[in-house]
């Protein structure tokens, strides 16, 4: 059984923003993790990480760089 490595390409403070970035990446043919799989709690705050397979991280970074 192989395990795939994922890389965080963007971190947001809202699930709506993370969902938008995930949709953009999916439309570009990439394979980001589902939103609920990528959230994390740090202290009292929740952050939402947009994660893609490591081999897609460079392309995802280029795509998301258009969205400051």
C-alpha atoms as a PDB file:
ATOM      1  CA  UNK A   1       0.000   0.000   0.000  1.00  0.00           C
ATOM      2  CA  UNK A   2       1.489   3.351  -0.987  1.00  0.00           C
ATOM      3  CA  UNK A   3       0.980   6.555   0.944  1.00  0.00           C
ATOM      4  CA  UNK A   4       0.723   9.813  -0.916  1.00  0.00           C
ATOM      5  CA  UNK A   5       2.421  12.923   0.430  1.00  0.00           C
ATOM      6  CA  UNK A   6       0.410  16.148   0.410  1.00  0.00           C
ATOM      7  CA  UNK A   7       1.747  19.696   0.525  1.00  0.00           C
ATOM      8  CA  UNK A   8      -0.050  22.781   1.827  1.00  0.00           C
ATOM      9  CA  UNK A   9      -0.246  25.411  -0.914  1.00  0.00           C
ATOM     10  CA  UNK A  10      -2.510  27.908   0.867  1.00  0.00           C
ATOM     11  CA  UNK A  11      -3.873  28.415   4.400  1.00  0.00           C
ATOM     12  CA  UNK A  12      -7.074  30.354   5.015  1.00  0.00           C
ATOM     13  CA  UNK A  13      -9.129  31.440   7.998  1.00  0.00           C
ATOM     14  CA  UNK A  14     -12.512  30.623   6.487  1.00  0.00           C
ATOM     15  CA  UNK A  15     -13.900  27.438   4.975  1.00  0.00           C
ATOM     16  CA  UNK A  16     -15.505  29.462   2.184  1.00  0.00           C
ATOM     17  CA  UNK A  17     -12.165  30.824   0.994  1.00  0.00           C
ATOM     18  CA  UNK A  18     -10.513  27.402   1.233  1.00  0.00           C
ATOM     19  CA  UNK A  19     -13.407  25.855  -0.691  1.00  0.00           C
ATOM     20  CA  UNK A  20     -13.000  28.444  -3.441  1.00  0.00           C
ATOM     21  CA  UNK A  21      -9.287  27.658  -3.817  1.00  0.00           C
ATOM     22  CA  UNK A  22     -10.008  23.916  -3.807  1.00  0.00           C
ATOM     23  CA  UNK A  23     -12.590  24.411  -6.582  1.00  0.00           C
ATOM     24  CA  UNK A  24     -10.131  26.478  -8.636  1.00  0.00           C
ATOM     25  CA  UNK A  25      -7.514  23.736  -8.349  1.00  0.00           C
ATOM     26  CA  UNK A  26     -10.002  21.001  -9.231  1.00  0.00           C
ATOM     27  CA  UNK A  27     -11.115  22.954 -12.315  1.00  0.00           C
ATOM     28  CA  UNK A  28      -7.443  23.098 -13.346  1.00  0.00           C
ATOM     29  CA  UNK A  29      -7.288  19.295 -13.182  1.00  0.00           C
ATOM     30  CA  UNK A  30      -5.408  19.032  -9.874  1.00  0.00           C
ATOM     31  CA  UNK A  31      -6.336  16.801  -6.938  1.00  0.00           C
ATOM     32  CA  UNK A  32      -6.615  18.812  -3.689  1.00  0.00           C
ATOM     33  CA  UNK A  33      -7.794  17.160  -0.497  1.00  0.00           C
ATOM     34  CA  UNK A  34     -11.411  17.614   0.538  1.00  0.00           C
ATOM     35  CA  UNK A  35     -11.917  20.580   2.856  1.00  0.00           C
ATOM     36  CA  UNK A  36     -12.826  18.595   5.985  1.00  0.00           C
ATOM     37  CA  UNK A  37      -9.664  16.514   5.601  1.00  0.00           C
ATOM     38  CA  UNK A  38      -7.433  19.583   5.561  1.00  0.00           C
ATOM     39  CA  UNK A  39      -8.649  21.692   8.514  1.00  0.00           C
ATOM     40  CA  UNK A  40      -6.659  22.075  11.716  1.00  0.00           C
ATOM     41  CA  UNK A  41      -7.130  23.778  15.054  1.00  0.00           C
ATOM     42  CA  UNK A  42      -4.334  25.837  16.559  1.00  0.00           C
ATOM     43  CA  UNK A  43      -5.217  27.177  19.989  1.00  0.00           C
ATOM     44  CA  UNK A  44      -8.693  28.671  19.774  1.00  0.00           C
ATOM     45  CA  UNK A  45      -8.484  29.360  16.035  1.00  0.00           C
ATOM     46  CA  UNK A  46      -9.291  27.070  13.137  1.00  0.00           C
ATOM     47  CA  UNK A  47      -7.287  27.274   9.937  1.00  0.00           C
ATOM     48  CA  UNK A  48      -8.106  25.609   6.650  1.00  0.00           C
ATOM     49  CA  UNK A  49      -5.237  24.265   4.603  1.00  0.00           C
ATOM     50  CA  UNK A  50      -5.493  23.734   0.883  1.00  0.00           C
ATOM     51  CA  UNK A  51      -3.382  20.650   0.228  1.00  0.00           C
ATOM     52  CA  UNK A  52      -2.421  18.939  -3.003  1.00  0.00           C
ATOM     53  CA  UNK A  53      -0.263  15.912  -3.798  1.00  0.00           C
ATOM     54  CA  UNK A  54       3.396  16.927  -3.511  1.00  0.00           C
ATOM     55  CA  UNK A  55       3.979  16.416  -7.236  1.00  0.00           C
ATOM     56  CA  UNK A  56       1.234  18.988  -8.004  1.00  0.00           C
ATOM     57  CA  UNK A  57       2.417  21.659  -5.554  1.00  0.00           C
ATOM     58  CA  UNK A  58       4.438  23.758  -8.023  1.00  0.00           C
ATOM     59  CA  UNK A  59       1.571  23.960 -10.501  1.00  0.00           C
ATOM     60  CA  UNK A  60      -0.933  24.672  -7.715  1.00  0.00           C
ATOM     61  CA  UNK A  61       1.284  27.462  -6.400  1.00  0.00           C
ATOM     62  CA  UNK A  62       1.380  29.074  -9.844  1.00  0.00           C
ATOM     63  CA  UNK A  63      -2.386  28.865 -10.209  1.00  0.00           C
ATOM     64  CA  UNK A  64      -3.088  30.280  -6.743  1.00  0.00           C
ATOM     65  CA  UNK A  65      -0.494  33.056  -7.116  1.00  0.00           C
ATOM     66  CA  UNK A  66      -3.100  34.865  -9.210  1.00  0.00           C
ATOM     67  CA  UNK A  67      -5.210  35.170  -6.044  1.00  0.00           C
ATOM     68  CA  UNK A  68      -3.294  37.265  -3.502  1.00  0.00           C
END
